[in-house]
Amino acid sequence: MELEDLNNFVQTANEEQLKAFGFLGQWLMENSPKYCTCACKCNQNCEIAKSLGGALMAAGQKLQGQ
């Protein structure tokens, strides 16, 4: 799966899928400080993590717009 596949998935996702992505995004925002404790801050520098975060944010925005 390519990173752009995440964005394509979000664009065609149904409401239930968007809600699941939204739940995952909320969980990550709340728990990242608890679980991501390495000094290198890879969750902020990793392209995959950034892309996933962007896709989760887009899913939340799309769900709010419905």
PDB file of N, CA and C in Angstrom:
ATOM      1  N   MET A   1       0.847  -1.175   0.000  1.00  0.00           N
ATOM      2  CA  MET A   1       0.000   0.000   0.000  1.00  0.00           C
ATOM      3  C   MET A   1       0.892   1.238   0.000  1.00  0.00           C
ATOM      4  N   GLU A   2       0.598   2.144  -0.865  1.00  0.00           N
ATOM      5  CA  GLU A   2       1.329   3.408  -0.953  1.00  0.00           C
ATOM      6  C   GLU A   2       0.676   4.437  -0.036  1.00  0.00           C
ATOM      7  N   LEU A   3       1.446   5.459   0.312  1.00  0.00           N
ATOM      8  CA  LEU A   3       0.915   6.493   1.205  1.00  0.00           C
ATOM      9  C   LEU A   3      -0.283   7.215   0.601  1.00  0.00           C
ATOM     10  N   GLU A   4      -0.278   7.417  -0.700  1.00  0.00           N
ATOM     11  CA  GLU A   4      -1.416   8.106  -1.319  1.00  0.00           C
ATOM     12  C   GLU A   4      -2.668   7.246  -1.292  1.00  0.00           C
ATOM     13  N   ASP A   5      -2.498   5.933  -1.123  1.00  0.00           N
ATOM     14  CA  ASP A   5      -3.654   5.051  -0.995  1.00  0.00           C
ATOM     15  C   ASP A   5      -4.485   5.417   0.229  1.00  0.00           C
ATOM     16  N   LEU A   6      -3.836   5.888   1.286  1.00  0.00           N
ATOM     17  CA  LEU A   6      -4.578   6.318   2.480  1.00  0.00           C
ATOM     18  C   LEU A   6      -5.519   7.461   2.143  1.00  0.00           C
ATOM     19  N   ASN A   7      -5.017   8.441   1.415  1.00  0.00           N
ATOM     20  CA  ASN A   7      -5.854   9.584   1.043  1.00  0.00           C
ATOM     21  C   ASN A   7      -6.967   9.168   0.092  1.00  0.00           C
ATOM     22  N   ASN A   8      -6.660   8.269  -0.829  1.00  0.00           N
ATOM     23  CA  ASN A   8      -7.697   7.769  -1.741  1.00  0.00           C
ATOM     24  C   ASN A   8      -8.770   7.017  -0.972  1.00  0.00           C
ATOM     25  N   PHE A   9      -8.365   6.238   0.019  1.00  0.00           N
ATOM     26  CA  PHE A   9      -9.325   5.514   0.844  1.00  0.00           C
ATOM     27  C   PHE A   9     -10.253   6.492   1.559  1.00  0.00           C
ATOM     28  N   VAL A  10      -9.681   7.534   2.140  1.00  0.00           N
ATOM     29  CA  VAL A  10     -10.487   8.519   2.870  1.00  0.00           C
ATOM     30  C   VAL A  10     -11.494   9.181   1.936  1.00  0.00           C
ATOM     31  N   GLN A  11     -11.079   9.469   0.717  1.00  0.00           N
ATOM     32  CA  GLN A  11     -11.975  10.150  -0.215  1.00  0.00           C
ATOM     33  C   GLN A  11     -13.187   9.305  -0.592  1.00  0.00           C
ATOM     34  N   THR A  12     -13.033   7.982  -0.549  1.00  0.00           N
ATOM     35  CA  THR A  12     -14.140   7.109  -0.954  1.00  0.00           C
ATOM     36  C   THR A  12     -14.780   6.372   0.229  1.00  0.00           C
ATOM     37  N   ALA A  13     -14.328   6.670   1.438  1.00  0.00           N
ATOM     38  CA  ALA A  13     -14.817   5.955   2.623  1.00  0.00           C
ATOM     39  C   ALA A  13     -16.271   6.302   2.919  1.00  0.00           C
ATOM     40  N   ASN A  14     -16.987   5.328   3.446  1.00  0.00           N
ATOM     41  CA  ASN A  14     -18.360   5.585   3.879  1.00  0.00           C
ATOM     42  C   ASN A  14     -18.330   6.144   5.309  1.00  0.00           C
ATOM     43  N   GLU A  15     -19.478   6.479   5.830  1.00  0.00           N
ATOM     44  CA  GLU A  15     -19.554   7.123   7.142  1.00  0.00           C
ATOM     45  C   GLU A  15     -18.983   6.246   8.259  1.00  0.00           C
ATOM     46  N   GLU A  16     -19.266   4.963   8.213  1.00  0.00           N
ATOM     47  CA  GLU A  16     -18.766   4.050   9.245  1.00  0.00           C
ATOM     48  C   GLU A  16     -17.232   3.980   9.221  1.00  0.00           C
ATOM     49  N   GLN A  17     -16.659   3.927   8.031  1.00  0.00           N
ATOM     50  CA  GLN A  17     -15.202   3.896   7.905  1.00  0.00           C
ATOM     51  C   GLN A  17     -14.580   5.207   8.391  1.00  0.00           C
ATOM     52  N   LEU A  18     -15.227   6.315   8.063  1.00  0.00           N
ATOM     53  CA  LEU A  18     -14.729   7.613   8.521  1.00  0.00           C
ATOM     54  C   LEU A  18     -14.778   7.716  10.037  1.00  0.00           C
ATOM     55  N   LYS A  19     -15.845   7.189  10.632  1.00  0.00           N
ATOM     56  CA  LYS A  19     -15.945   7.197  12.094  1.00  0.00           C
ATOM     57  C   LYS A  19     -14.833   6.362  12.721  1.00  0.00           C
ATOM     58  N   ALA A  20     -14.517   5.227  12.107  1.00  0.00           N
ATOM     59  CA  ALA A  20     -13.433   4.381  12.618  1.00  0.00           C
ATOM     60  C   ALA A  20     -12.100   5.111  12.514  1.00  0.00           C
ATOM     61  N   PHE A  21     -11.855   5.763  11.395  1.00  0.00           N
ATOM     62  CA  PHE A  21     -10.635   6.552  11.244  1.00  0.00           C
ATOM     63  C   PHE A  21     -10.607   7.691  12.258  1.00  0.00           C
ATOM     64  N   GLY A  22     -11.747   8.324  12.469  1.00  0.00           N
ATOM     65  CA  GLY A  22     -11.829   9.407  13.446  1.00  0.00           C
ATOM     66  C   GLY A  22     -11.526   8.917  14.851  1.00  0.00           C
ATOM     67  N   PHE A  23     -12.043   7.754  15.199  1.00  0.00           N
ATOM     68  CA  PHE A  23     -11.764   7.169  16.510  1.00  0.00           C
ATOM     69  C   PHE A  23     -10.276   6.892  16.658  1.00  0.00           C
ATOM     70  N   LEU A  24      -9.671   6.321  15.625  1.00  0.00           N
ATOM     71  CA  LEU A  24      -8.235   6.033  15.657  1.00  0.00           C
ATOM     72  C   LEU A  24      -7.427   7.326  15.796  1.00  0.00           C
ATOM     73  N   GLY A  25      -7.803   8.346  15.050  1.00  0.00           N
ATOM     74  CA  GLY A  25      -7.112   9.626  15.140  1.00  0.00           C
ATOM     75  C   GLY A  25      -7.203  10.229  16.527  1.00  0.00           C
ATOM     76  N   GLN A  26      -8.378  10.180  17.119  1.00  0.00           N
ATOM     77  CA  GLN A  26      -8.569  10.717  18.473  1.00  0.00           C
ATOM     78  C   GLN A  26      -7.744   9.924  19.475  1.00  0.00           C
ATOM     79  N   TRP A  27      -7.734   8.613  19.340  1.00  0.00           N
ATOM     80  CA  TRP A  27      -6.961   7.762  20.244  1.00  0.00           C
ATOM     81  C   TRP A  27      -5.479   8.091  20.143  1.00  0.00           C
ATOM     82  N   LEU A  28      -4.990   8.250  18.913  1.00  0.00           N
ATOM     83  CA  LEU A  28      -3.572   8.567  18.724  1.00  0.00           C
ATOM     84  C   LEU A  28      -3.212   9.921  19.334  1.00  0.00           C
ATOM     85  N   MET A  29      -4.086  10.908  19.150  1.00  0.00           N
ATOM     86  CA  MET A  29      -3.811  12.236  19.718  1.00  0.00           C
ATOM     87  C   MET A  29      -3.747  12.173  21.238  1.00  0.00           C
ATOM     88  N   GLU A  30      -4.639  11.424  21.836  1.00  0.00           N
ATOM     89  CA  GLU A  30      -4.689  11.344  23.296  1.00  0.00           C
ATOM     90  C   GLU A  30      -3.572  10.490  23.878  1.00  0.00           C
ATOM     91  N   ASN A  31      -3.154   9.452  23.146  1.00  0.00           N
ATOM     92  CA  ASN A  31      -2.211   8.493  23.706  1.00  0.00           C
ATOM     93  C   ASN A  31      -0.780   8.601  23.189  1.00  0.00           C
ATOM     94  N   SER A  32      -0.539   9.369  22.148  1.00  0.00           N
ATOM     95  CA  SER A  32       0.830   9.516  21.652  1.00  0.00           C
ATOM     96  C   SER A  32       1.788   9.987  22.737  1.00  0.00           C
ATOM     97  N   PRO A  33       1.435  10.999  23.515  1.00  0.00           N
ATOM     98  CA  PRO A  33       2.379  11.422  24.560  1.00  0.00           C
ATOM     99  C   PRO A  33       2.683  10.320  25.570  1.00  0.00           C
ATOM    100  N   LYS A  34       1.730   9.429  25.772  1.00  0.00           N
ATOM    101  CA  LYS A  34       1.888   8.348  26.741  1.00  0.00           C
ATOM    102  C   LYS A  34       2.770   7.228  26.199  1.00  0.00           C
ATOM    103  N   TYR A  35       2.610   6.894  24.913  1.00  0.00           N
ATOM    104  CA  TYR A  35       3.310   5.754  24.331  1.00  0.00           C
ATOM    105  C   TYR A  35       4.536   6.130  23.505  1.00  0.00           C
ATOM    106  N   CYS A  36       4.555   7.310  22.933  1.00  0.00           N
ATOM    107  CA  CYS A  36       5.683   7.741  22.097  1.00  0.00           C
ATOM    108  C   CYS A  36       6.630   8.578  22.959  1.00  0.00           C
ATOM    109  N   THR A  37       7.535   7.909  23.616  1.00  0.00           N
ATOM    110  CA  THR A  37       8.404   8.592  24.574  1.00  0.00           C
ATOM    111  C   THR A  37       9.873   8.587  24.165  1.00  0.00           C
ATOM    112  N   CYS A  38      10.199   8.128  22.972  1.00  0.00           N
ATOM    113  CA  CYS A  38      11.604   8.083  22.570  1.00  0.00           C
ATOM    114  C   CYS A  38      12.129   9.502  22.337  1.00  0.00           C
ATOM    115  N   ALA A  39      13.406   9.686  22.571  1.00  0.00           N
ATOM    116  CA  ALA A  39      14.032  11.007  22.471  1.00  0.00           C
ATOM    117  C   ALA A  39      14.085  11.521  21.037  1.00  0.00           C
ATOM    118  N   CYS A  40      14.078  10.629  20.050  1.00  0.00           N
ATOM    119  CA  CYS A  40      14.213  11.067  18.649  1.00  0.00           C
ATOM    120  C   CYS A  40      12.923  11.663  18.087  1.00  0.00           C
ATOM    121  N   LYS A  41      11.807  11.517  18.800  1.00  0.00           N
ATOM    122  CA  LYS A  41      10.506  12.050  18.364  1.00  0.00           C
ATOM    123  C   LYS A  41      10.149  11.567  16.954  1.00  0.00           C
ATOM    124  N   CYS A  42      10.351  10.275  16.727  1.00  0.00           N
ATOM    125  CA  CYS A  42      10.100   9.705  15.406  1.00  0.00           C
ATOM    126  C   CYS A  42       8.662   9.919  14.947  1.00  0.00           C
ATOM    127  N   ASN A  43       7.728   9.997  15.867  1.00  0.00           N
ATOM    128  CA  ASN A  43       6.336  10.202  15.469  1.00  0.00           C
ATOM    129  C   ASN A  43       6.116  11.573  14.842  1.00  0.00           C
ATOM    130  N   GLN A  44       7.026  12.516  15.073  1.00  0.00           N
ATOM    131  CA  GLN A  44       6.911  13.851  14.491  1.00  0.00           C
ATOM    132  C   GLN A  44       7.748  13.991  13.225  1.00  0.00           C
ATOM    133  N   ASN A  45       8.742  13.124  13.038  1.00  0.00           N
ATOM    134  CA  ASN A  45       9.657  13.239  11.908  1.00  0.00           C
ATOM    135  C   ASN A  45       9.421  12.202  10.815  1.00  0.00           C
ATOM    136  N   CYS A  46       8.732  11.141  11.130  1.00  0.00           N
ATOM    137  CA  CYS A  46       8.524  10.036  10.194  1.00  0.00           C
ATOM    138  C   CYS A  46       7.489  10.416   9.130  1.00  0.00           C
ATOM    139  N   GLU A  47       7.839  10.198   7.866  1.00  0.00           N
ATOM    140  CA  GLU A  47       6.918  10.525   6.771  1.00  0.00           C
ATOM    141  C   GLU A  47       5.651   9.674   6.816  1.00  0.00           C
ATOM    142  N   ILE A  48       5.792   8.430   7.218  1.00  0.00           N
ATOM    143  CA  ILE A  48       4.615   7.552   7.310  1.00  0.00           C
ATOM    144  C   ILE A  48       3.681   8.053   8.401  1.00  0.00           C
ATOM    145  N   ALA A  49       4.232   8.418   9.552  1.00  0.00           N
ATOM    146  CA  ALA A  49       3.400   8.934  10.642  1.00  0.00           C
ATOM    147  C   ALA A  49       2.724  10.241  10.235  1.00  0.00           C
ATOM    148  N   LYS A  50       3.452  11.095   9.531  1.00  0.00           N
ATOM    149  CA  LYS A  50       2.868  12.359   9.063  1.00  0.00           C
ATOM    150  C   LYS A  50       1.733  12.102   8.073  1.00  0.00           C
ATOM    151  N   SER A  51       1.940  11.171   7.161  1.00  0.00           N
ATOM    152  CA  SER A  51       0.908  10.851   6.169  1.00  0.00           C
ATOM    153  C   SER A  51      -0.325  10.254   6.822  1.00  0.00           C
ATOM    154  N   LEU A  52      -0.109   9.365   7.775  1.00  0.00           N
ATOM    155  CA  LEU A  52      -1.240   8.776   8.487  1.00  0.00           C
ATOM    156  C   LEU A  52      -1.995   9.867   9.248  1.00  0.00           C
ATOM    157  N   GLY A  53      -1.266  10.735   9.904  1.00  0.00           N
ATOM    158  CA  GLY A  53      -1.907  11.842  10.623  1.00  0.00           C
ATOM    159  C   GLY A  53      -2.717  12.725   9.688  1.00  0.00           C
ATOM    160  N   GLY A  54      -2.180  12.988   8.505  1.00  0.00           N
ATOM    161  CA  GLY A  54      -2.908  13.795   7.521  1.00  0.00           C
ATOM    162  C   GLY A  54      -4.167  13.102   7.037  1.00  0.00           C
ATOM    163  N   ALA A  55      -4.076  11.808   6.800  1.00  0.00           N
ATOM    164  CA  ALA A  55      -5.252  11.050   6.356  1.00  0.00           C
ATOM    165  C   ALA A  55      -6.311  11.011   7.443  1.00  0.00           C
ATOM    166  N   LEU A  56      -5.883  10.840   8.686  1.00  0.00           N
ATOM    167  CA  LEU A  56      -6.843  10.822   9.799  1.00  0.00           C
ATOM    168  C   LEU A  56      -7.508  12.182   9.956  1.00  0.00           C
ATOM    169  N   MET A  57      -6.741  13.249   9.768  1.00  0.00           N
ATOM    170  CA  MET A  57      -7.307  14.590   9.869  1.00  0.00           C
ATOM    171  C   MET A  57      -8.305  14.831   8.734  1.00  0.00           C
ATOM    172  N   ALA A  58      -7.960  14.393   7.532  1.00  0.00           N
ATOM    173  CA  ALA A  58      -8.869  14.543   6.391  1.00  0.00           C
ATOM    174  C   ALA A  58     -10.161  13.758   6.615  1.00  0.00           C
ATOM    175  N   ALA A  59     -10.049  12.582   7.222  1.00  0.00           N
ATOM    176  CA  ALA A  59     -11.243  11.789   7.516  1.00  0.00           C
ATOM    177  C   ALA A  59     -12.146  12.523   8.493  1.00  0.00           C
ATOM    178  N   GLY A  60     -11.553  13.111   9.510  1.00  0.00           N
ATOM    179  CA  GLY A  60     -12.343  13.871  10.483  1.00  0.00           C
ATOM    180  C   GLY A  60     -13.032  15.066   9.834  1.00  0.00           C
ATOM    181  N   GLN A  61     -12.329  15.772   8.973  1.00  0.00           N
ATOM    182  CA  GLN A  61     -12.913  16.928   8.288  1.00  0.00           C
ATOM    183  C   GLN A  61     -14.031  16.512   7.364  1.00  0.00           C
ATOM    184  N   LYS A  62     -13.829  15.401   6.660  1.00  0.00           N
ATOM    185  CA  LYS A  62     -14.868  14.911   5.754  1.00  0.00           C
ATOM    186  C   LYS A  62     -16.105  14.496   6.541  1.00  0.00           C
ATOM    187  N   LEU A  63     -15.901  13.852   7.670  1.00  0.00           N
ATOM    188  CA  LEU A  63     -17.033  13.412   8.492  1.00  0.00           C
ATOM    189  C   LEU A  63     -17.800  14.615   9.026  1.00  0.00           C
ATOM    190  N   GLN A  64     -17.104  15.669   9.418  1.00  0.00           N
ATOM    191  CA  GLN A  64     -17.776  16.870   9.916  1.00  0.00           C
ATOM    192  C   GLN A  64     -18.558  17.570   8.832  1.00  0.00           C
ATOM    193  N   GLY A  65     -18.086  17.442   7.589  1.00  0.00           N
ATOM    194  CA  GLY A  65     -18.746  18.093   6.463  1.00  0.00           C
ATOM    195  C   GLY A  65     -19.962  17.349   5.958  1.00  0.00           C
ATOM    196  N   GLN A  66     -20.188  16.137   6.421  1.00  0.00           N
ATOM    197  CA  GLN A  66     -21.328  15.335   5.934  1.00  0.00           C
ATOM    198  C   GLN A  66     -22.616  15.784   6.575  1.00  0.00           C
TER     199      GLN A  66
END
